[in-house]
Amino acid sequence: MGTAVPKLNDVIEKAGFLSFEEQEILLDVLKHRHIEKRREQIAANAGKTIKEYKAGRTRAGTAKDLKKDLEND
């Protein structure tokens, strides 16, 4: 069996017991992890988009082209 995932409120409460400096470190670590996770999401989305473009399921164009296509639907 895996370990139980702590509830957000429990994590926040426990973080309150950390020293000010430890809280700053925690914030920094969480911020960097969040940034890295977002980068991974962007990279995955870009890879999917490129794959679909190469397969002919999407096409390139300008914002003006997109607006024109949307108006014609």
C-alpha atoms as a PDB file:
ATOM      1  CA  MET A   1       0.000   0.000   0.000  1.00  0.00           C
ATOM      2  CA  GLY A   2       1.167   3.568  -0.750  1.00  0.00           C
ATOM      3  CA  THR A   3       1.458   6.356   1.729  1.00  0.00           C
ATOM      4  CA  ALA A   4      -1.541   8.551   2.385  1.00  0.00           C
ATOM      5  CA  VAL A   5      -1.563  11.907   0.640  1.00  0.00           C
ATOM      6  CA  PRO A   6      -1.758  14.675   3.233  1.00  0.00           C
ATOM      7  CA  LYS A   7      -4.573  17.176   3.022  1.00  0.00           C
ATOM      8  CA  LEU A   8      -3.656  20.723   2.079  1.00  0.00           C
ATOM      9  CA  ASN A   9      -4.874  22.077   5.402  1.00  0.00           C
ATOM     10  CA  ASP A  10      -2.627  19.589   7.255  1.00  0.00           C
ATOM     11  CA  VAL A  11       0.399  20.686   5.230  1.00  0.00           C
ATOM     12  CA  ILE A  12      -0.354  24.370   5.866  1.00  0.00           C
ATOM     13  CA  GLU A  13      -0.795  23.720   9.581  1.00  0.00           C
ATOM     14  CA  LYS A  14       2.498  21.817   9.827  1.00  0.00           C
ATOM     15  CA  ALA A  15       4.320  24.502   7.841  1.00  0.00           C
ATOM     16  CA  GLY A  16       3.270  26.925  10.555  1.00  0.00           C
ATOM     17  CA  PHE A  17       5.565  25.112  12.986  1.00  0.00           C
ATOM     18  CA  LEU A  18       8.621  25.806  10.817  1.00  0.00           C
ATOM     19  CA  SER A  19      10.919  28.702  11.588  1.00  0.00           C
ATOM     20  CA  PHE A  20      10.667  31.803   9.435  1.00  0.00           C
ATOM     21  CA  GLU A  21      13.799  30.783   7.512  1.00  0.00           C
ATOM     22  CA  GLU A  22      12.493  27.248   6.973  1.00  0.00           C
ATOM     23  CA  GLN A  23       9.221  28.669   5.670  1.00  0.00           C
ATOM     24  CA  GLU A  24      11.172  30.814   3.203  1.00  0.00           C
ATOM     25  CA  ILE A  25      13.067  27.732   2.013  1.00  0.00           C
ATOM     26  CA  LEU A  26       9.804  25.805   1.684  1.00  0.00           C
ATOM     27  CA  LEU A  27       8.262  28.606  -0.367  1.00  0.00           C
ATOM     28  CA  ASP A  28      11.317  28.728  -2.620  1.00  0.00           C
ATOM     29  CA  VAL A  29      11.309  24.945  -3.162  1.00  0.00           C
ATOM     30  CA  LEU A  30       7.577  24.910  -3.900  1.00  0.00           C
ATOM     31  CA  LYS A  31       7.893  27.840  -6.301  1.00  0.00           C
ATOM     32  CA  HIS A  32      10.703  26.162  -8.243  1.00  0.00           C
ATOM     33  CA  ARG A  33       8.872  22.821  -8.355  1.00  0.00           C
ATOM     34  CA  HIS A  34       5.750  24.593  -9.599  1.00  0.00           C
ATOM     35  CA  ILE A  35       7.725  26.367 -12.330  1.00  0.00           C
ATOM     36  CA  GLU A  36       9.348  23.097 -13.419  1.00  0.00           C
ATOM     37  CA  LYS A  37       6.004  21.287 -13.529  1.00  0.00           C
ATOM     38  CA  ARG A  38       4.552  24.085 -15.679  1.00  0.00           C
ATOM     39  CA  ARG A  39       7.547  23.859 -18.037  1.00  0.00           C
ATOM     40  CA  GLU A  40       6.923  20.131 -18.385  1.00  0.00           C
ATOM     41  CA  GLN A  41       3.253  20.785 -19.203  1.00  0.00           C
ATOM     42  CA  ILE A  42       4.178  23.395 -21.822  1.00  0.00           C
ATOM     43  CA  ALA A  43       6.751  21.058 -23.399  1.00  0.00           C
ATOM     44  CA  ALA A  44       4.253  18.187 -23.534  1.00  0.00           C
ATOM     45  CA  ASN A  45       1.633  20.446 -25.106  1.00  0.00           C
ATOM     46  CA  ALA A  46       4.133  21.741 -27.667  1.00  0.00           C
ATOM     47  CA  GLY A  47       5.154  18.199 -28.564  1.00  0.00           C
ATOM     48  CA  LYS A  48       1.528  17.174 -29.023  1.00  0.00           C
ATOM     49  CA  THR A  49       0.824  20.255 -31.143  1.00  0.00           C
ATOM     50  CA  ILE A  50       3.847  19.611 -33.388  1.00  0.00           C
ATOM     51  CA  LYS A  51       2.825  15.961 -33.800  1.00  0.00           C
ATOM     52  CA  GLU A  52      -0.727  16.954 -34.787  1.00  0.00           C
ATOM     53  CA  TYR A  53       0.581  19.610 -37.183  1.00  0.00           C
ATOM     54  CA  LYS A  54       2.864  17.079 -38.887  1.00  0.00           C
ATOM     55  CA  ALA A  55      -0.070  14.649 -39.128  1.00  0.00           C
ATOM     56  CA  GLY A  56      -2.123  17.340 -40.882  1.00  0.00           C
ATOM     57  CA  ARG A  57      -4.718  17.703 -38.129  1.00  0.00           C
ATOM     58  CA  THR A  58      -3.874  21.367 -37.559  1.00  0.00           C
ATOM     59  CA  ARG A  59      -2.548  24.184 -39.686  1.00  0.00           C
ATOM     60  CA  ALA A  60      -0.483  27.295 -39.219  1.00  0.00           C
ATOM     61  CA  GLY A  61      -1.823  30.800 -39.650  1.00  0.00           C
ATOM     62  CA  THR A  62      -2.104  34.266 -38.249  1.00  0.00           C
ATOM     63  CA  ALA A  63      -4.609  35.561 -35.732  1.00  0.00           C
ATOM     64  CA  LYS A  64      -6.408  37.129 -38.689  1.00  0.00           C
ATOM     65  CA  ASP A  65      -6.630  33.694 -40.364  1.00  0.00           C
ATOM     66  CA  LEU A  66      -8.050  32.194 -37.176  1.00  0.00           C
ATOM     67  CA  LYS A  67     -10.658  34.940 -36.885  1.00  0.00           C
ATOM     68  CA  LYS A  68     -11.662  34.415 -40.494  1.00  0.00           C
ATOM     69  CA  ASP A  69     -12.006  30.636 -39.956  1.00  0.00           C
ATOM     70  CA  LEU A  70     -14.109  31.161 -36.840  1.00  0.00           C
ATOM     71  CA  GLU A  71     -16.404  33.580 -38.660  1.00  0.00           C
ATOM     72  CA  ASN A  72     -16.915  31.039 -41.456  1.00  0.00           C
ATOM     73  CA  ASP A  73     -17.995  28.227 -39.105  1.00  0.00           C
END
